N, C-alpha and C. Protein backbone atom coordinates (compact mmCIF):
# COMPACT_ATOMS: atom_id res chain seq x y z
N MET A 1 8.68 2.84 -15.85
CA MET A 1 7.30 2.68 -15.43
C MET A 1 6.76 4.06 -15.03
N LEU A 2 5.64 4.43 -15.58
CA LEU A 2 5.03 5.74 -15.29
C LEU A 2 4.73 5.93 -13.82
N SER A 3 4.26 4.91 -13.14
CA SER A 3 3.87 5.05 -11.73
C SER A 3 5.04 5.45 -10.85
N ARG A 4 6.24 5.06 -11.20
CA ARG A 4 7.41 5.46 -10.42
C ARG A 4 7.65 6.96 -10.56
N GLY A 5 7.16 7.55 -11.63
CA GLY A 5 7.39 8.96 -11.88
C GLY A 5 6.31 9.86 -11.30
N ILE A 6 5.28 9.30 -10.69
CA ILE A 6 4.23 10.13 -10.13
C ILE A 6 4.77 10.82 -8.90
N ASP A 7 4.73 12.13 -8.95
CA ASP A 7 5.25 12.92 -7.84
C ASP A 7 4.10 13.55 -7.07
N PRO A 8 4.39 14.20 -5.94
CA PRO A 8 3.31 14.80 -5.15
C PRO A 8 2.40 15.72 -5.95
N MET A 9 2.96 16.48 -6.87
CA MET A 9 2.14 17.39 -7.68
C MET A 9 1.16 16.59 -8.54
N SER A 10 1.63 15.48 -9.12
CA SER A 10 0.76 14.64 -9.95
C SER A 10 -0.35 14.01 -9.12
N ILE A 11 -0.01 13.56 -7.92
CA ILE A 11 -1.03 12.98 -7.05
C ILE A 11 -2.08 14.03 -6.73
N GLU A 12 -1.63 15.25 -6.48
CA GLU A 12 -2.56 16.34 -6.19
C GLU A 12 -3.46 16.63 -7.39
N MET A 13 -2.89 16.64 -8.60
CA MET A 13 -3.67 16.93 -9.80
C MET A 13 -4.61 15.77 -10.17
N LEU A 14 -4.11 14.54 -10.07
CA LEU A 14 -4.91 13.37 -10.44
C LEU A 14 -5.91 12.99 -9.36
N GLY A 15 -5.54 13.22 -8.11
CA GLY A 15 -6.29 12.68 -6.99
C GLY A 15 -5.67 11.34 -6.63
N HIS A 16 -5.70 10.99 -5.34
CA HIS A 16 -4.99 9.79 -4.92
C HIS A 16 -5.59 8.51 -5.50
N GLU A 17 -6.91 8.45 -5.67
CA GLU A 17 -7.50 7.23 -6.21
C GLU A 17 -7.09 6.99 -7.66
N ASP A 18 -7.08 8.03 -8.48
CA ASP A 18 -6.63 7.86 -9.86
C ASP A 18 -5.15 7.53 -9.93
N ALA A 19 -4.35 8.14 -9.05
CA ALA A 19 -2.92 7.83 -9.02
C ALA A 19 -2.71 6.36 -8.64
N ILE A 20 -3.50 5.85 -7.70
CA ILE A 20 -3.38 4.44 -7.29
C ILE A 20 -3.84 3.53 -8.43
N LYS A 21 -4.89 3.91 -9.14
CA LYS A 21 -5.35 3.12 -10.29
C LYS A 21 -4.25 3.02 -11.35
N ILE A 22 -3.56 4.13 -11.61
CA ILE A 22 -2.46 4.13 -12.57
C ILE A 22 -1.33 3.24 -12.08
N LEU A 23 -1.01 3.33 -10.79
CA LEU A 23 0.03 2.47 -10.21
C LEU A 23 -0.32 1.00 -10.40
N ALA A 24 -1.55 0.62 -10.10
CA ALA A 24 -1.98 -0.78 -10.25
C ALA A 24 -1.91 -1.22 -11.71
N SER A 25 -2.41 -0.38 -12.59
CA SER A 25 -2.40 -0.70 -14.02
C SER A 25 -0.98 -0.83 -14.56
N ASP A 26 -0.12 0.12 -14.21
CA ASP A 26 1.27 0.09 -14.67
C ASP A 26 2.00 -1.13 -14.12
N THR A 27 1.70 -1.48 -12.87
CA THR A 27 2.32 -2.67 -12.26
C THR A 27 1.96 -3.90 -13.06
N GLN A 28 0.68 -4.02 -13.38
CA GLN A 28 0.21 -5.19 -14.12
C GLN A 28 0.84 -5.25 -15.51
N LYS A 29 0.89 -4.10 -16.19
CA LYS A 29 1.45 -4.06 -17.55
C LYS A 29 2.94 -4.38 -17.55
N SER A 30 3.68 -3.84 -16.60
CA SER A 30 5.14 -4.01 -16.63
C SER A 30 5.61 -5.34 -16.05
N SER A 31 4.84 -5.92 -15.15
CA SER A 31 5.31 -7.13 -14.47
C SER A 31 4.55 -8.40 -14.85
N GLY A 32 3.34 -8.23 -15.38
CA GLY A 32 2.49 -9.38 -15.65
C GLY A 32 1.78 -9.90 -14.41
N VAL A 33 2.02 -9.27 -13.27
CA VAL A 33 1.36 -9.65 -12.03
C VAL A 33 0.02 -8.93 -11.95
N LYS A 34 -1.03 -9.67 -11.68
CA LYS A 34 -2.36 -9.06 -11.58
C LYS A 34 -2.38 -8.15 -10.35
N CYS A 35 -2.76 -6.89 -10.55
CA CYS A 35 -2.79 -5.91 -9.47
C CYS A 35 -4.12 -5.17 -9.53
N ASN A 36 -4.96 -5.39 -8.52
CA ASN A 36 -6.30 -4.79 -8.48
C ASN A 36 -6.37 -3.73 -7.39
N PHE A 37 -7.08 -2.66 -7.71
CA PHE A 37 -7.35 -1.60 -6.73
C PHE A 37 -8.85 -1.53 -6.53
N GLU A 38 -9.27 -1.55 -5.26
CA GLU A 38 -10.69 -1.46 -4.92
C GLU A 38 -10.88 -0.40 -3.85
N SER A 39 -11.93 0.37 -4.02
CA SER A 39 -12.34 1.34 -3.00
C SER A 39 -13.85 1.44 -3.10
N PRO A 40 -14.58 0.75 -2.22
CA PRO A 40 -16.04 0.71 -2.32
C PRO A 40 -16.71 2.08 -2.25
N GLN A 41 -16.10 2.99 -1.54
CA GLN A 41 -16.63 4.34 -1.47
C GLN A 41 -15.45 5.31 -1.59
N PRO A 42 -15.71 6.54 -2.03
CA PRO A 42 -14.62 7.51 -2.13
C PRO A 42 -13.96 7.75 -0.77
N VAL A 43 -12.65 7.83 -0.78
CA VAL A 43 -11.88 8.12 0.42
C VAL A 43 -11.21 9.47 0.21
N THR A 44 -11.46 10.38 1.12
CA THR A 44 -10.87 11.71 1.00
C THR A 44 -9.96 11.98 2.19
N PHE A 45 -8.94 12.77 1.94
CA PHE A 45 -8.00 13.15 2.98
C PHE A 45 -7.99 14.66 3.10
N ASN A 46 -7.90 15.15 4.31
CA ASN A 46 -7.93 16.59 4.51
C ASN A 46 -6.55 17.23 4.35
N GLU A 47 -5.51 16.41 4.22
CA GLU A 47 -4.17 16.94 4.04
C GLU A 47 -3.49 16.21 2.88
N GLN A 48 -2.80 16.96 2.04
CA GLN A 48 -2.08 16.38 0.91
C GLN A 48 -0.99 15.42 1.41
N THR A 49 -0.38 15.73 2.54
CA THR A 49 0.66 14.87 3.11
C THR A 49 0.14 13.46 3.34
N ILE A 50 -1.09 13.35 3.83
CA ILE A 50 -1.67 12.03 4.09
C ILE A 50 -1.85 11.27 2.78
N SER A 51 -2.38 11.93 1.78
CA SER A 51 -2.59 11.30 0.48
C SER A 51 -1.27 10.81 -0.11
N ILE A 52 -0.24 11.62 -0.02
CA ILE A 52 1.07 11.25 -0.57
C ILE A 52 1.65 10.06 0.20
N GLN A 53 1.57 10.09 1.52
CA GLN A 53 2.14 9.00 2.31
C GLN A 53 1.39 7.68 2.05
N ILE A 54 0.07 7.74 1.94
CA ILE A 54 -0.71 6.54 1.62
C ILE A 54 -0.27 5.98 0.27
N TYR A 55 -0.14 6.85 -0.72
CA TYR A 55 0.31 6.41 -2.04
C TYR A 55 1.68 5.74 -1.95
N ARG A 56 2.61 6.35 -1.24
CA ARG A 56 3.97 5.82 -1.12
C ARG A 56 3.99 4.48 -0.36
N ILE A 57 3.12 4.33 0.62
CA ILE A 57 3.02 3.05 1.34
C ILE A 57 2.54 1.96 0.38
N ILE A 58 1.53 2.27 -0.42
CA ILE A 58 1.02 1.31 -1.40
C ILE A 58 2.13 0.96 -2.39
N GLN A 59 2.84 1.96 -2.86
CA GLN A 59 3.93 1.74 -3.80
C GLN A 59 4.99 0.80 -3.20
N GLU A 60 5.34 1.01 -1.95
CA GLU A 60 6.34 0.16 -1.29
C GLU A 60 5.82 -1.27 -1.13
N CYS A 61 4.55 -1.42 -0.77
CA CYS A 61 3.95 -2.76 -0.65
C CYS A 61 4.02 -3.51 -1.98
N ILE A 62 3.65 -2.82 -3.04
CA ILE A 62 3.67 -3.44 -4.37
C ILE A 62 5.10 -3.81 -4.76
N ASN A 63 6.02 -2.90 -4.55
CA ASN A 63 7.43 -3.18 -4.88
C ASN A 63 7.93 -4.40 -4.11
N ASN A 64 7.60 -4.48 -2.82
CA ASN A 64 8.03 -5.63 -2.01
C ASN A 64 7.42 -6.93 -2.52
N ALA A 65 6.14 -6.88 -2.89
CA ALA A 65 5.47 -8.09 -3.40
C ALA A 65 6.12 -8.56 -4.70
N LEU A 66 6.52 -7.62 -5.54
CA LEU A 66 7.16 -7.99 -6.81
C LEU A 66 8.59 -8.47 -6.60
N LYS A 67 9.32 -7.76 -5.77
CA LYS A 67 10.75 -8.03 -5.60
C LYS A 67 11.05 -9.24 -4.72
N HIS A 68 10.30 -9.40 -3.65
CA HIS A 68 10.64 -10.42 -2.66
C HIS A 68 9.67 -11.60 -2.60
N ALA A 69 8.40 -11.39 -2.95
CA ALA A 69 7.38 -12.41 -2.68
C ALA A 69 7.07 -13.32 -3.86
N ASP A 70 7.50 -12.93 -5.06
CA ASP A 70 7.13 -13.70 -6.26
C ASP A 70 5.61 -13.85 -6.36
N ALA A 71 4.90 -12.80 -6.04
CA ALA A 71 3.43 -12.82 -6.04
C ALA A 71 2.90 -12.91 -7.48
N LYS A 72 1.75 -13.51 -7.61
CA LYS A 72 1.03 -13.57 -8.90
C LYS A 72 -0.16 -12.62 -8.89
N ASN A 73 -0.62 -12.27 -7.68
CA ASN A 73 -1.76 -11.38 -7.52
C ASN A 73 -1.50 -10.43 -6.36
N ILE A 74 -1.83 -9.15 -6.58
CA ILE A 74 -1.72 -8.14 -5.55
C ILE A 74 -3.06 -7.42 -5.50
N ARG A 75 -3.55 -7.17 -4.30
CA ARG A 75 -4.84 -6.49 -4.12
C ARG A 75 -4.63 -5.28 -3.21
N VAL A 76 -5.07 -4.12 -3.66
CA VAL A 76 -5.02 -2.89 -2.88
C VAL A 76 -6.46 -2.50 -2.58
N HIS A 77 -6.77 -2.32 -1.31
CA HIS A 77 -8.14 -2.01 -0.91
C HIS A 77 -8.14 -0.84 0.06
N LEU A 78 -8.91 0.20 -0.24
CA LEU A 78 -9.08 1.36 0.63
C LEU A 78 -10.51 1.41 1.10
N LYS A 79 -10.68 1.72 2.38
CA LYS A 79 -12.04 1.96 2.87
C LYS A 79 -12.01 3.03 3.94
N ASN A 80 -13.10 3.72 4.04
CA ASN A 80 -13.24 4.76 5.05
C ASN A 80 -14.70 4.79 5.47
N THR A 81 -15.05 3.88 6.37
CA THR A 81 -16.41 3.85 6.89
C THR A 81 -16.38 4.49 8.27
N ASP A 82 -16.29 3.67 9.30
CA ASP A 82 -16.16 4.22 10.65
C ASP A 82 -14.70 4.48 11.00
N TYR A 83 -13.79 4.02 10.17
CA TYR A 83 -12.36 4.30 10.31
C TYR A 83 -11.71 4.08 8.95
N PHE A 84 -10.52 4.64 8.77
CA PHE A 84 -9.78 4.47 7.52
C PHE A 84 -8.95 3.20 7.59
N GLU A 85 -8.95 2.44 6.49
CA GLU A 85 -8.09 1.26 6.42
C GLU A 85 -7.59 1.06 4.99
N LEU A 86 -6.29 0.88 4.88
CA LEU A 86 -5.65 0.46 3.65
C LEU A 86 -5.19 -0.97 3.86
N THR A 87 -5.50 -1.84 2.92
CA THR A 87 -5.02 -3.22 2.96
C THR A 87 -4.37 -3.53 1.63
N VAL A 88 -3.14 -4.02 1.68
CA VAL A 88 -2.46 -4.51 0.49
C VAL A 88 -2.10 -5.96 0.77
N SER A 89 -2.60 -6.85 -0.08
CA SER A 89 -2.35 -8.28 0.12
C SER A 89 -1.77 -8.89 -1.15
N ASP A 90 -1.00 -9.96 -0.95
CA ASP A 90 -0.46 -10.68 -2.09
C ASP A 90 -0.49 -12.18 -1.80
N ASP A 91 -0.35 -12.95 -2.86
CA ASP A 91 -0.36 -14.41 -2.74
C ASP A 91 1.04 -14.98 -2.90
N GLY A 92 2.03 -14.20 -2.53
CA GLY A 92 3.42 -14.61 -2.69
C GLY A 92 3.87 -15.61 -1.64
N LYS A 93 5.19 -15.76 -1.55
CA LYS A 93 5.76 -16.79 -0.68
C LYS A 93 5.71 -16.47 0.80
N GLY A 94 5.40 -15.23 1.16
CA GLY A 94 5.28 -14.88 2.56
C GLY A 94 6.60 -14.95 3.30
N PHE A 95 6.57 -14.63 4.58
CA PHE A 95 7.77 -14.68 5.39
C PHE A 95 7.39 -14.80 6.86
N ASN A 96 8.34 -15.17 7.66
CA ASN A 96 8.12 -15.30 9.10
C ASN A 96 8.26 -13.91 9.72
N THR A 97 7.17 -13.36 10.24
CA THR A 97 7.20 -12.00 10.80
C THR A 97 8.05 -11.91 12.06
N LYS A 98 8.39 -13.04 12.65
CA LYS A 98 9.25 -13.02 13.84
C LYS A 98 10.74 -13.03 13.50
N ASP A 99 11.04 -13.26 12.22
CA ASP A 99 12.42 -13.26 11.75
C ASP A 99 12.88 -11.82 11.55
N LYS A 100 13.81 -11.37 12.36
CA LYS A 100 14.27 -9.98 12.30
C LYS A 100 14.91 -9.63 10.97
N THR A 101 15.43 -10.60 10.25
CA THR A 101 16.02 -10.35 8.95
C THR A 101 14.98 -9.74 8.00
N HIS A 102 13.78 -10.31 8.00
CA HIS A 102 12.71 -9.80 7.14
C HIS A 102 11.99 -8.62 7.78
N ASN A 103 11.72 -8.71 9.04
CA ASN A 103 10.89 -7.74 9.73
C ASN A 103 11.55 -6.37 9.88
N ASN A 104 12.86 -6.30 9.76
CA ASN A 104 13.56 -5.03 9.88
C ASN A 104 14.14 -4.55 8.56
N GLY A 105 13.64 -5.07 7.46
CA GLY A 105 14.12 -4.65 6.16
C GLY A 105 13.79 -3.18 5.90
N LEU A 106 14.52 -2.60 4.98
CA LEU A 106 14.37 -1.18 4.68
C LEU A 106 12.94 -0.83 4.26
N GLY A 107 12.33 -1.65 3.41
CA GLY A 107 10.97 -1.37 2.95
C GLY A 107 9.97 -1.30 4.08
N LEU A 108 10.04 -2.26 5.00
CA LEU A 108 9.11 -2.27 6.13
C LEU A 108 9.39 -1.11 7.09
N ARG A 109 10.66 -0.77 7.27
CA ARG A 109 11.00 0.38 8.12
C ARG A 109 10.47 1.68 7.51
N ILE A 110 10.57 1.81 6.20
CA ILE A 110 10.04 3.00 5.52
C ILE A 110 8.53 3.07 5.70
N MET A 111 7.84 1.93 5.56
CA MET A 111 6.39 1.92 5.74
C MET A 111 6.01 2.32 7.16
N ARG A 112 6.74 1.80 8.15
CA ARG A 112 6.46 2.17 9.54
C ARG A 112 6.66 3.67 9.76
N TYR A 113 7.71 4.21 9.19
CA TYR A 113 7.99 5.65 9.29
C TYR A 113 6.84 6.45 8.67
N ARG A 114 6.42 6.05 7.49
CA ARG A 114 5.33 6.78 6.80
C ARG A 114 4.02 6.70 7.58
N THR A 115 3.70 5.53 8.14
CA THR A 115 2.46 5.42 8.92
C THR A 115 2.54 6.27 10.18
N ASP A 116 3.72 6.33 10.79
CA ASP A 116 3.89 7.18 11.98
C ASP A 116 3.65 8.64 11.64
N ILE A 117 4.12 9.09 10.50
CA ILE A 117 3.96 10.49 10.08
C ILE A 117 2.49 10.89 10.05
N ILE A 118 1.64 9.98 9.60
CA ILE A 118 0.22 10.31 9.43
C ILE A 118 -0.66 9.75 10.54
N GLY A 119 -0.05 9.24 11.60
CA GLY A 119 -0.81 8.79 12.75
C GLY A 119 -1.58 7.50 12.55
N CYS A 120 -1.07 6.63 11.70
CA CYS A 120 -1.72 5.35 11.45
C CYS A 120 -0.98 4.22 12.14
N LYS A 121 -1.67 3.10 12.27
CA LYS A 121 -1.09 1.88 12.81
C LYS A 121 -0.79 0.95 11.63
N LEU A 122 0.35 0.29 11.66
CA LEU A 122 0.73 -0.65 10.61
C LEU A 122 0.74 -2.06 11.19
N ASP A 123 0.02 -2.97 10.53
CA ASP A 123 -0.01 -4.38 10.92
C ASP A 123 0.45 -5.21 9.73
N ILE A 124 1.31 -6.18 10.01
CA ILE A 124 1.82 -7.06 8.97
C ILE A 124 1.51 -8.50 9.36
N GLU A 125 0.80 -9.19 8.47
CA GLU A 125 0.49 -10.60 8.67
C GLU A 125 1.11 -11.38 7.53
N SER A 126 1.92 -12.36 7.86
CA SER A 126 2.54 -13.18 6.83
C SER A 126 3.03 -14.47 7.44
N SER A 127 3.01 -15.51 6.64
CA SER A 127 3.57 -16.80 7.01
C SER A 127 4.19 -17.39 5.76
N PRO A 128 5.28 -18.13 5.91
CA PRO A 128 5.89 -18.74 4.73
C PRO A 128 4.87 -19.56 3.93
N GLY A 129 4.83 -19.33 2.65
CA GLY A 129 3.92 -20.05 1.76
C GLY A 129 2.50 -19.53 1.72
N GLU A 130 2.19 -18.48 2.49
CA GLU A 130 0.81 -18.03 2.58
C GLU A 130 0.59 -16.57 2.19
N GLY A 131 1.56 -15.92 1.61
CA GLY A 131 1.38 -14.54 1.19
C GLY A 131 1.51 -13.56 2.35
N THR A 132 1.22 -12.31 2.05
CA THR A 132 1.37 -11.24 3.04
C THR A 132 0.18 -10.30 2.96
N VAL A 133 -0.25 -9.82 4.13
CA VAL A 133 -1.29 -8.81 4.22
C VAL A 133 -0.73 -7.67 5.05
N ILE A 134 -0.75 -6.47 4.49
CA ILE A 134 -0.29 -5.29 5.21
C ILE A 134 -1.47 -4.35 5.36
N ARG A 135 -1.74 -3.97 6.62
CA ARG A 135 -2.85 -3.07 6.91
C ARG A 135 -2.31 -1.80 7.55
N CYS A 136 -2.86 -0.71 7.08
CA CYS A 136 -2.55 0.60 7.64
C CYS A 136 -3.90 1.20 8.01
N ASN A 137 -4.11 1.48 9.30
CA ASN A 137 -5.42 2.02 9.67
C ASN A 137 -5.29 3.13 10.69
N ARG A 138 -6.35 3.87 10.74
CA ARG A 138 -6.45 5.00 11.66
C ARG A 138 -7.87 5.01 12.19
N ARG A 139 -8.01 4.87 13.46
CA ARG A 139 -9.32 4.75 14.08
C ARG A 139 -9.92 6.12 14.41
N PHE A 140 -10.15 6.88 13.37
CA PHE A 140 -10.88 8.13 13.49
C PHE A 140 -12.05 8.04 12.51
N GLU A 141 -13.04 8.86 12.72
CA GLU A 141 -14.19 8.79 11.82
C GLU A 141 -13.80 9.04 10.39
N THR A 142 -12.90 9.97 10.16
CA THR A 142 -12.50 10.29 8.80
C THR A 142 -11.23 11.13 8.83
N PHE A 143 -10.57 11.18 7.72
CA PHE A 143 -9.41 12.04 7.57
C PHE A 143 -9.86 13.45 7.19
N SER A 144 -11.06 13.57 6.67
CA SER A 144 -11.48 14.89 6.19
C SER A 144 -12.36 15.60 7.18
């Protein structure tokens, strides 16, 4: 899959939004799972590290939805109005967020680590049979 091969240099050359579009498109082509990317307005980051970490968080969310959730639809949404927010949601089987077996998995720990690096808060909402919503936000006016 091409999206797995996108490295920091490629994200820098393509821009994070185009890299995310490629990730969504490649996910859909390789898995058959519908994967949409939406960003109502351009989102810019003042540091390449932030852009890379956001991309990697999205990548981990998508991988988890494919591997563990049996999702049929994945939605990636970026916004930066009065604060930055990334939302990745799926319609998969969901999980009990209070169950330490799921809540302390490697993928979720990696996402928490990445959000900590860039000063964001990570929220996970999920219930068995109801899919999962992962939000990464930073309550600043902008990253740029």
